[in-house]
Amino acid sequence: MDELSELEQIGRVVRNSNEEVIIQCGKYWNIDIVDIRWFKGDKPTSKGIRLNRDEAIKVLNLLRRELDEENKN
Protein backbone atom coordinates (compact mmCIF):
# COMPACT_ATOMS: atom_id res chain seq x y z
CA MET A 1 0.00 0.00 0.00
CA ASP A 2 1.25 3.48 -0.87
CA GLU A 3 1.77 5.64 2.24
CA LEU A 4 0.46 8.66 0.28
CA SER A 5 -2.83 7.02 -0.68
CA GLU A 6 -4.74 8.94 2.01
CA LEU A 7 -3.92 12.41 0.60
CA GLU A 8 -6.83 14.55 -0.58
CA GLN A 9 -6.42 17.38 -3.06
CA ILE A 10 -7.71 20.61 -1.50
CA GLY A 11 -6.72 23.09 -4.19
CA ARG A 12 -4.63 23.95 -7.18
CA VAL A 13 -3.09 26.98 -8.83
CA VAL A 14 -2.72 26.80 -12.60
CA ARG A 15 0.34 28.52 -14.06
CA ASN A 16 -0.23 27.62 -17.71
CA SER A 17 -1.69 24.80 -19.83
CA ASN A 18 0.98 22.35 -18.67
CA GLU A 19 2.03 23.40 -15.13
CA GLU A 20 0.16 23.76 -11.86
CA VAL A 21 0.69 23.63 -8.11
CA ILE A 22 -1.45 21.05 -6.33
CA ILE A 23 -2.07 21.28 -2.59
CA GLN A 24 -2.94 18.08 -0.76
CA CYS A 25 -3.63 17.23 2.88
CA GLY A 26 -3.81 13.93 4.67
CA LYS A 27 -1.68 11.41 6.48
CA TYR A 28 1.82 10.25 5.61
CA TRP A 29 3.28 7.58 7.88
CA ASN A 30 0.50 8.44 10.41
CA ILE A 31 1.50 12.14 10.48
CA ASP A 32 -0.96 14.85 9.40
CA ILE A 33 0.74 16.66 6.52
CA VAL A 34 0.26 19.36 3.90
CA ASP A 35 1.94 18.74 0.53
CA ILE A 36 2.44 21.60 -1.95
CA ARG A 37 3.94 20.37 -5.21
CA TRP A 38 4.44 21.43 -8.82
CA PHE A 39 2.93 19.15 -11.43
CA LYS A 40 3.88 19.11 -15.08
CA GLY A 41 1.14 17.48 -17.08
CA ASP A 42 -0.33 14.91 -14.72
CA LYS A 43 2.98 14.03 -13.08
CA PRO A 44 4.48 15.48 -9.88
CA THR A 45 7.89 17.10 -10.16
CA SER A 46 10.57 17.06 -7.49
CA LYS A 47 9.78 20.72 -6.79
CA GLY A 48 7.58 20.96 -3.73
CA ILE A 49 7.41 20.80 0.01
CA ARG A 50 5.78 18.45 2.48
CA LEU A 51 5.17 19.83 5.96
CA ASN A 52 3.54 18.49 9.09
CA ARG A 53 0.54 20.56 10.18
CA ASP A 54 2.44 22.53 12.83
CA GLU A 55 5.12 23.50 10.31
CA ALA A 56 2.45 24.40 7.74
CA ILE A 57 0.75 26.73 10.23
CA LYS A 58 4.07 28.50 10.91
CA VAL A 59 4.71 28.92 7.17
CA LEU A 60 1.15 30.20 6.65
CA ASN A 61 1.61 32.80 9.41
CA LEU A 62 4.90 33.96 7.88
CA LEU A 63 3.31 34.27 4.43
CA ARG A 64 0.32 36.17 5.84
CA ARG A 65 2.64 38.59 7.63
CA GLU A 66 4.75 39.13 4.50
CA LEU A 67 1.78 39.57 2.18
CA ASP A 68 -0.02 41.89 4.61
CA GLU A 69 3.09 44.10 4.82
CA GLU A 70 3.38 44.07 1.03
CA ASN A 71 -0.24 45.20 0.65
CA LYS A 72 0.39 48.16 2.98
CA ASN A 73 3.12 49.57 0.73
PDB file of N, CA and C in Angstrom:
ATOM      1  N   MET A   1       0.843  -1.190   0.000  1.00  0.00           N
ATOM      2  CA  MET A   1       0.000   0.000   0.000  1.00  0.00           C
ATOM      3  C   MET A   1       0.885   1.249   0.000  1.00  0.00           C
ATOM      4  N   ASP A   2       0.522   2.224  -0.784  1.00  0.00           N
ATOM      5  CA  ASP A   2       1.251   3.482  -0.870  1.00  0.00           C
ATOM      6  C   ASP A   2       0.935   4.336   0.354  1.00  0.00           C
ATOM      7  N   GLU A   3       1.978   4.830   1.035  1.00  0.00           N
ATOM      8  CA  GLU A   3       1.771   5.638   2.237  1.00  0.00           C
ATOM      9  C   GLU A   3       1.091   6.965   1.936  1.00  0.00           C
ATOM     10  N   LEU A   4       1.086   7.404   0.661  1.00  0.00           N
ATOM     11  CA  LEU A   4       0.461   8.663   0.283  1.00  0.00           C
ATOM     12  C   LEU A   4      -0.974   8.488  -0.191  1.00  0.00           C
ATOM     13  N   SER A   5      -1.513   7.281  -0.114  1.00  0.00           N
ATOM     14  CA  SER A   5      -2.833   7.017  -0.676  1.00  0.00           C
ATOM     15  C   SER A   5      -3.957   7.763   0.043  1.00  0.00           C
ATOM     16  N   GLU A   6      -3.706   8.262   1.246  1.00  0.00           N
ATOM     17  CA  GLU A   6      -4.741   8.941   2.006  1.00  0.00           C
ATOM     18  C   GLU A   6      -4.779  10.442   1.752  1.00  0.00           C
ATOM     19  N   LEU A   7      -3.946  10.975   0.856  1.00  0.00           N
ATOM     20  CA  LEU A   7      -3.924  12.410   0.601  1.00  0.00           C
ATOM     21  C   LEU A   7      -5.128  12.831  -0.231  1.00  0.00           C
ATOM     22  N   GLU A   8      -5.674  13.988   0.122  1.00  0.00           N
ATOM     23  CA  GLU A   8      -6.827  14.549  -0.580  1.00  0.00           C
ATOM     24  C   GLU A   8      -6.440  15.906  -1.159  1.00  0.00           C
ATOM     25  N   GLN A   9      -6.713  16.098  -2.431  1.00  0.00           N
ATOM     26  CA  GLN A   9      -6.423  17.384  -3.063  1.00  0.00           C
ATOM     27  C   GLN A   9      -7.398  18.424  -2.538  1.00  0.00           C
ATOM     28  N   ILE A  10      -6.848  19.554  -2.037  1.00  0.00           N
ATOM     29  CA  ILE A  10      -7.714  20.609  -1.497  1.00  0.00           C
ATOM     30  C   ILE A  10      -7.697  21.858  -2.368  1.00  0.00           C
ATOM     31  N   GLY A  11      -6.758  21.919  -3.316  1.00  0.00           N
ATOM     32  CA  GLY A  11      -6.719  23.087  -4.188  1.00  0.00           C
ATOM     33  C   GLY A  11      -5.614  22.988  -5.203  1.00  0.00           C
ATOM     34  N   ARG A  12      -5.666  23.898  -6.166  1.00  0.00           N
ATOM     35  CA  ARG A  12      -4.633  23.948  -7.184  1.00  0.00           C
ATOM     36  C   ARG A  12      -4.536  25.352  -7.736  1.00  0.00           C
ATOM     37  N   VAL A  13      -3.343  25.684  -8.205  1.00  0.00           N
ATOM     38  CA  VAL A  13      -3.091  26.979  -8.828  1.00  0.00           C
ATOM     39  C   VAL A  13      -2.468  26.688 -10.188  1.00  0.00           C
ATOM     40  N   VAL A  14      -3.186  27.073 -11.248  1.00  0.00           N
ATOM     41  CA  VAL A  14      -2.722  26.801 -12.603  1.00  0.00           C
ATOM     42  C   VAL A  14      -1.794  27.921 -13.050  1.00  0.00           C
ATOM     43  N   ARG A  15      -0.612  27.544 -13.532  1.00  0.00           N
ATOM     44  CA  ARG A  15       0.341  28.517 -14.061  1.00  0.00           C
ATOM     45  C   ARG A  15       0.140  28.687 -15.560  1.00  0.00           C
ATOM     46  N   ASN A  16       0.005  27.593 -16.263  1.00  0.00           N
ATOM     47  CA  ASN A  16      -0.231  27.618 -17.709  1.00  0.00           C
ATOM     48  C   ASN A  16      -0.891  26.289 -18.096  1.00  0.00           C
ATOM     49  N   SER A  17      -0.974  25.999 -19.384  1.00  0.00           N
ATOM     50  CA  SER A  17      -1.686  24.799 -19.829  1.00  0.00           C
ATOM     51  C   SER A  17      -1.005  23.500 -19.434  1.00  0.00           C
ATOM     52  N   ASN A  18       0.244  23.567 -18.978  1.00  0.00           N
ATOM     53  CA  ASN A  18       0.979  22.350 -18.672  1.00  0.00           C
ATOM     54  C   ASN A  18       1.482  22.265 -17.230  1.00  0.00           C
ATOM     55  N   GLU A  19       1.469  23.375 -16.483  1.00  0.00           N
ATOM     56  CA  GLU A  19       2.028  23.397 -15.129  1.00  0.00           C
ATOM     57  C   GLU A  19       1.012  23.925 -14.123  1.00  0.00           C
ATOM     58  N   GLU A  20       1.025  23.306 -12.942  1.00  0.00           N
ATOM     59  CA  GLU A  20       0.164  23.760 -11.859  1.00  0.00           C
ATOM     60  C   GLU A  20       0.740  23.312 -10.526  1.00  0.00           C
ATOM     61  N   VAL A  21       0.349  24.013  -9.476  1.00  0.00           N
ATOM     62  CA  VAL A  21       0.685  23.628  -8.106  1.00  0.00           C
ATOM     63  C   VAL A  21      -0.548  22.929  -7.548  1.00  0.00           C
ATOM     64  N   ILE A  22      -0.346  21.769  -6.966  1.00  0.00           N
ATOM     65  CA  ILE A  22      -1.454  21.046  -6.329  1.00  0.00           C
ATOM     66  C   ILE A  22      -1.167  20.966  -4.841  1.00  0.00           C
ATOM     67  N   ILE A  23      -2.187  21.300  -4.042  1.00  0.00           N
ATOM     68  CA  ILE A  23      -2.075  21.283  -2.586  1.00  0.00           C
ATOM     69  C   ILE A  23      -2.917  20.119  -2.081  1.00  0.00           C
ATOM     70  N   GLN A  24      -2.269  19.261  -1.289  1.00  0.00           N
ATOM     71  CA  GLN A  24      -2.940  18.081  -0.755  1.00  0.00           C
ATOM     72  C   GLN A  24      -2.742  18.011   0.753  1.00  0.00           C
ATOM     73  N   CYS A  25      -3.717  17.456   1.433  1.00  0.00           N
ATOM     74  CA  CYS A  25      -3.630  17.232   2.876  1.00  0.00           C
ATOM     75  C   CYS A  25      -3.975  15.781   3.159  1.00  0.00           C
ATOM     76  N   GLY A  26      -3.482  15.295   4.270  1.00  0.00           N
ATOM     77  CA  GLY A  26      -3.805  13.932   4.669  1.00  0.00           C
ATOM     78  C   GLY A  26      -2.772  13.393   5.624  1.00  0.00           C
ATOM     79  N   LYS A  27      -2.622  12.080   5.592  1.00  0.00           N
ATOM     80  CA  LYS A  27      -1.681  11.410   6.476  1.00  0.00           C
ATOM     81  C   LYS A  27      -0.566  10.789   5.661  1.00  0.00           C
ATOM     82  N   TYR A  28       0.642  10.888   6.190  1.00  0.00           N
ATOM     83  CA  TYR A  28       1.815  10.252   5.608  1.00  0.00           C
ATOM     84  C   TYR A  28       2.568   9.621   6.762  1.00  0.00           C
ATOM     85  N   TRP A  29       2.666   8.310   6.763  1.00  0.00           N
ATOM     86  CA  TRP A  29       3.275   7.579   7.878  1.00  0.00           C
ATOM     87  C   TRP A  29       2.629   7.985   9.209  1.00  0.00           C
ATOM     88  N   ASN A  30       1.298   8.093   9.219  1.00  0.00           N
ATOM     89  CA  ASN A  30       0.500   8.443  10.408  1.00  0.00           C
ATOM     90  C   ASN A  30       0.776   9.838  10.944  1.00  0.00           C
ATOM     91  N   ILE A  31       1.272  10.742  10.107  1.00  0.00           N
ATOM     92  CA  ILE A  31       1.497  12.135  10.482  1.00  0.00           C
ATOM     93  C   ILE A  31       0.614  12.998   9.596  1.00  0.00           C
ATOM     94  N   ASP A  32      -0.152  13.910  10.180  1.00  0.00           N
ATOM     95  CA  ASP A  32      -0.959  14.850   9.398  1.00  0.00           C
ATOM     96  C   ASP A  32      -0.023  15.792   8.656  1.00  0.00           C
ATOM     97  N   ILE A  33      -0.174  15.856   7.332  1.00  0.00           N
ATOM     98  CA  ILE A  33       0.736  16.661   6.520  1.00  0.00           C
ATOM     99  C   ILE A  33      -0.021  17.531   5.521  1.00  0.00           C
ATOM    100  N   VAL A  34       0.697  18.539   5.021  1.00  0.00           N
ATOM    101  CA  VAL A  34       0.259  19.362   3.896  1.00  0.00           C
ATOM    102  C   VAL A  34       1.368  19.240   2.846  1.00  0.00           C
ATOM    103  N   ASP A  35       0.974  18.906   1.619  1.00  0.00           N
ATOM    104  CA  ASP A  35       1.941  18.737   0.531  1.00  0.00           C
ATOM    105  C   ASP A  35       1.614  19.764  -0.547  1.00  0.00           C
ATOM    106  N   ILE A  36       2.593  20.586  -0.908  1.00  0.00           N
ATOM    107  CA  ILE A  36       2.444  21.603  -1.954  1.00  0.00           C
ATOM    108  C   ILE A  36       3.480  21.266  -3.016  1.00  0.00           C
ATOM    109  N   ARG A  37       3.015  20.905  -4.217  1.00  0.00           N
ATOM    110  CA  ARG A  37       3.938  20.371  -5.207  1.00  0.00           C
ATOM    111  C   ARG A  37       3.580  20.830  -6.612  1.00  0.00           C
ATOM    112  N   TRP A  38       4.621  21.116  -7.411  1.00  0.00           N
ATOM    113  CA  TRP A  38       4.444  21.431  -8.825  1.00  0.00           C
ATOM    114  C   TRP A  38       4.174  20.159  -9.599  1.00  0.00           C
ATOM    115  N   PHE A  39       3.226  20.246 -10.517  1.00  0.00           N
ATOM    116  CA  PHE A  39       2.930  19.147 -11.432  1.00  0.00           C
ATOM    117  C   PHE A  39       3.144  19.655 -12.843  1.00  0.00           C
ATOM    118  N   LYS A  40       3.715  18.807 -13.667  1.00  0.00           N
ATOM    119  CA  LYS A  40       3.881  19.106 -15.084  1.00  0.00           C
ATOM    120  C   LYS A  40       3.090  18.037 -15.820  1.00  0.00           C
ATOM    121  N   GLY A  41       2.068  18.460 -16.551  1.00  0.00           N
ATOM    122  CA  GLY A  41       1.136  17.479 -17.083  1.00  0.00           C
ATOM    123  C   GLY A  41       0.396  16.879 -15.900  1.00  0.00           C
ATOM    124  N   ASP A  42       0.321  15.578 -15.853  1.00  0.00           N
ATOM    125  CA  ASP A  42      -0.333  14.912 -14.716  1.00  0.00           C
ATOM    126  C   ASP A  42       0.669  14.321 -13.735  1.00  0.00           C
ATOM    127  N   LYS A  43       1.947  14.654 -13.896  1.00  0.00           N
ATOM    128  CA  LYS A  43       2.980  14.027 -13.076  1.00  0.00           C
ATOM    129  C   LYS A  43       3.614  15.020 -12.117  1.00  0.00           C
ATOM    130  N   PRO A  44       3.818  14.593 -10.848  1.00  0.00           N
ATOM    131  CA  PRO A  44       4.483  15.475  -9.881  1.00  0.00           C
ATOM    132  C   PRO A  44       5.949  15.660 -10.235  1.00  0.00           C
ATOM    133  N   THR A  45       6.463  16.855  -9.994  1.00  0.00           N
ATOM    134  CA  THR A  45       7.887  17.103 -10.165  1.00  0.00           C
ATOM    135  C   THR A  45       8.562  16.970  -8.802  1.00  0.00           C
ATOM    136  N   SER A  46       9.861  17.113  -8.774  1.00  0.00           N
ATOM    137  CA  SER A  46      10.574  17.064  -7.492  1.00  0.00           C
ATOM    138  C   SER A  46      10.486  18.394  -6.759  1.00  0.00           C
ATOM    139  N   LYS A  47       9.897  19.394  -7.403  1.00  0.00           N
ATOM    140  CA  LYS A  47       9.782  20.716  -6.789  1.00  0.00           C
ATOM    141  C   LYS A  47       8.524  20.761  -5.931  1.00  0.00           C
ATOM    142  N   GLY A  48       8.715  20.896  -4.643  1.00  0.00           N
ATOM    143  CA  GLY A  48       7.583  20.961  -3.733  1.00  0.00           C
ATOM    144  C   GLY A  48       8.058  20.858  -2.308  1.00  0.00           C
ATOM    145  N   ILE A  49       7.085  20.875  -1.413  1.00  0.00           N
ATOM    146  CA  ILE A  49       7.406  20.797   0.007  1.00  0.00           C
ATOM    147  C   ILE A  49       6.308  20.017   0.714  1.00  0.00           C
ATOM    148  N   ARG A  50       6.720  19.190   1.649  1.00  0.00           N
ATOM    149  CA  ARG A  50       5.779  18.451   2.479  1.00  0.00           C
ATOM    150  C   ARG A  50       6.057  18.846   3.923  1.00  0.00           C
ATOM    151  N   LEU A  51       5.025  19.329   4.598  1.00  0.00           N
ATOM    152  CA  LEU A  51       5.167  19.827   5.965  1.00  0.00           C
ATOM    153  C   LEU A  51       4.177  19.129   6.879  1.00  0.00           C
ATOM    154  N   ASN A  52       4.560  18.926   8.148  1.00  0.00           N
ATOM    155  CA  ASN A  52       3.541  18.485   9.093  1.00  0.00           C
ATOM    156  C   ASN A  52       2.652  19.697   9.387  1.00  0.00           C
ATOM    157  N   ARG A  53       1.521  19.470  10.016  1.00  0.00           N
ATOM    158  CA  ARG A  53       0.540  20.555  10.175  1.00  0.00           C
ATOM    159  C   ARG A  53       1.097  21.718  10.993  1.00  0.00           C
ATOM    160  N   ASP A  54       1.878  21.444  12.020  1.00  0.00           N
ATOM    161  CA  ASP A  54       2.444  22.530  12.832  1.00  0.00           C
ATOM    162  C   ASP A  54       3.390  23.395  11.998  1.00  0.00           C
ATOM    163  N   GLU A  55       4.213  22.755  11.181  1.00  0.00           N
ATOM    164  CA  GLU A  55       5.118  23.501  10.307  1.00  0.00           C
ATOM    165  C   GLU A  55       4.322  24.307   9.279  1.00  0.00           C
ATOM    166  N   ALA A  56       3.268  23.712   8.736  1.00  0.00           N
ATOM    167  CA  ALA A  56       2.446  24.400   7.736  1.00  0.00           C
ATOM    168  C   ALA A  56       1.796  25.648   8.323  1.00  0.00           C
ATOM    169  N   ILE A  57       1.351  25.572   9.572  1.00  0.00           N
ATOM    170  CA  ILE A  57       0.750  26.735  10.233  1.00  0.00           C
ATOM    171  C   ILE A  57       1.778  27.845  10.396  1.00  0.00           C
ATOM    172  N   LYS A  58       3.010  27.494  10.763  1.00  0.00           N
ATOM    173  CA  LYS A  58       4.065  28.495  10.909  1.00  0.00           C
ATOM    174  C   LYS A  58       4.373  29.162   9.566  1.00  0.00           C
ATOM    175  N   VAL A  59       4.456  28.369   8.501  1.00  0.00           N
ATOM    176  CA  VAL A  59       4.709  28.921   7.168  1.00  0.00           C
ATOM    177  C   VAL A  59       3.550  29.818   6.743  1.00  0.00           C
ATOM    178  N   LEU A  60       2.328  29.389   6.991  1.00  0.00           N
ATOM    179  CA  LEU A  60       1.152  30.197   6.653  1.00  0.00           C
ATOM    180  C   LEU A  60       1.189  31.546   7.370  1.00  0.00           C
ATOM    181  N   ASN A  61       1.527  31.543   8.648  1.00  0.00           N
ATOM    182  CA  ASN A  61       1.607  32.795   9.406  1.00  0.00           C
ATOM    183  C   ASN A  61       2.692  33.718   8.854  1.00  0.00           C
ATOM    184  N   LEU A  62       3.836  33.152   8.487  1.00  0.00           N
ATOM    185  CA  LEU A  62       4.903  33.960   7.884  1.00  0.00           C
ATOM    186  C   LEU A  62       4.454  34.562   6.552  1.00  0.00           C
ATOM    187  N   LEU A  63       3.798  33.768   5.719  1.00  0.00           N
ATOM    188  CA  LEU A  63       3.308  34.270   4.432  1.00  0.00           C
ATOM    189  C   LEU A  63       2.249  35.353   4.624  1.00  0.00           C
ATOM    190  N   ARG A  64       1.347  35.144   5.560  1.00  0.00           N
ATOM    191  CA  ARG A  64       0.323  36.171   5.837  1.00  0.00           C
ATOM    192  C   ARG A  64       0.975  37.480   6.255  1.00  0.00           C
ATOM    193  N   ARG A  65       1.954  37.385   7.155  1.00  0.00           N
ATOM    194  CA  ARG A  65       2.637  38.586   7.627  1.00  0.00           C
ATOM    195  C   ARG A  65       3.329  39.300   6.466  1.00  0.00           C
ATOM    196  N   GLU A  66       4.039  38.549   5.642  1.00  0.00           N
ATOM    197  CA  GLU A  66       4.754  39.132   4.502  1.00  0.00           C
ATOM    198  C   GLU A  66       3.786  39.753   3.504  1.00  0.00           C
ATOM    199  N   LEU A  67       2.736  39.058   3.177  1.00  0.00           N
ATOM    200  CA  LEU A  67       1.782  39.568   2.178  1.00  0.00           C
ATOM    201  C   LEU A  67       0.982  40.735   2.725  1.00  0.00           C
ATOM    202  N   ASP A  68       0.672  40.738   4.012  1.00  0.00           N
ATOM    203  CA  ASP A  68      -0.018  41.886   4.610  1.00  0.00           C
ATOM    204  C   ASP A  68       0.864  43.117   4.563  1.00  0.00           C
ATOM    205  N   GLU A  69       2.158  42.976   4.872  1.00  0.00           N
ATOM    206  CA  GLU A  69       3.086  44.100   4.825  1.00  0.00           C
ATOM    207  C   GLU A  69       3.231  44.606   3.393  1.00  0.00           C
ATOM    208  N   GLU A  70       3.254  43.693   2.435  1.00  0.00           N
ATOM    209  CA  GLU A  70       3.384  44.067   1.030  1.00  0.00           C
ATOM    210  C   GLU A  70       2.164  44.857   0.569  1.00  0.00           C
ATOM    211  N   ASN A  71       0.984  44.495   1.043  1.00  0.00           N
ATOM    212  CA  ASN A  71      -0.242  45.198   0.654  1.00  0.00           C
ATOM    213  C   ASN A  71      -0.309  46.602   1.245  1.00  0.00           C
ATOM    214  N   LYS A  72       0.398  46.846   2.350  1.00  0.00           N
ATOM    215  CA  LYS A  72       0.388  48.163   2.983  1.00  0.00           C
ATOM    216  C   LYS A  72       1.236  49.168   2.217  1.00  0.00           C
ATOM    217  N   ASN A  73       2.200  48.672   1.463  1.00  0.00           N
ATOM    218  CA  ASN A  73       3.118  49.569   0.733  1.00  0.00           C
ATOM    219  C   ASN A  73       2.547  50.017  -0.568  1.00  0.00           C
TER     220      ASN A  73
END
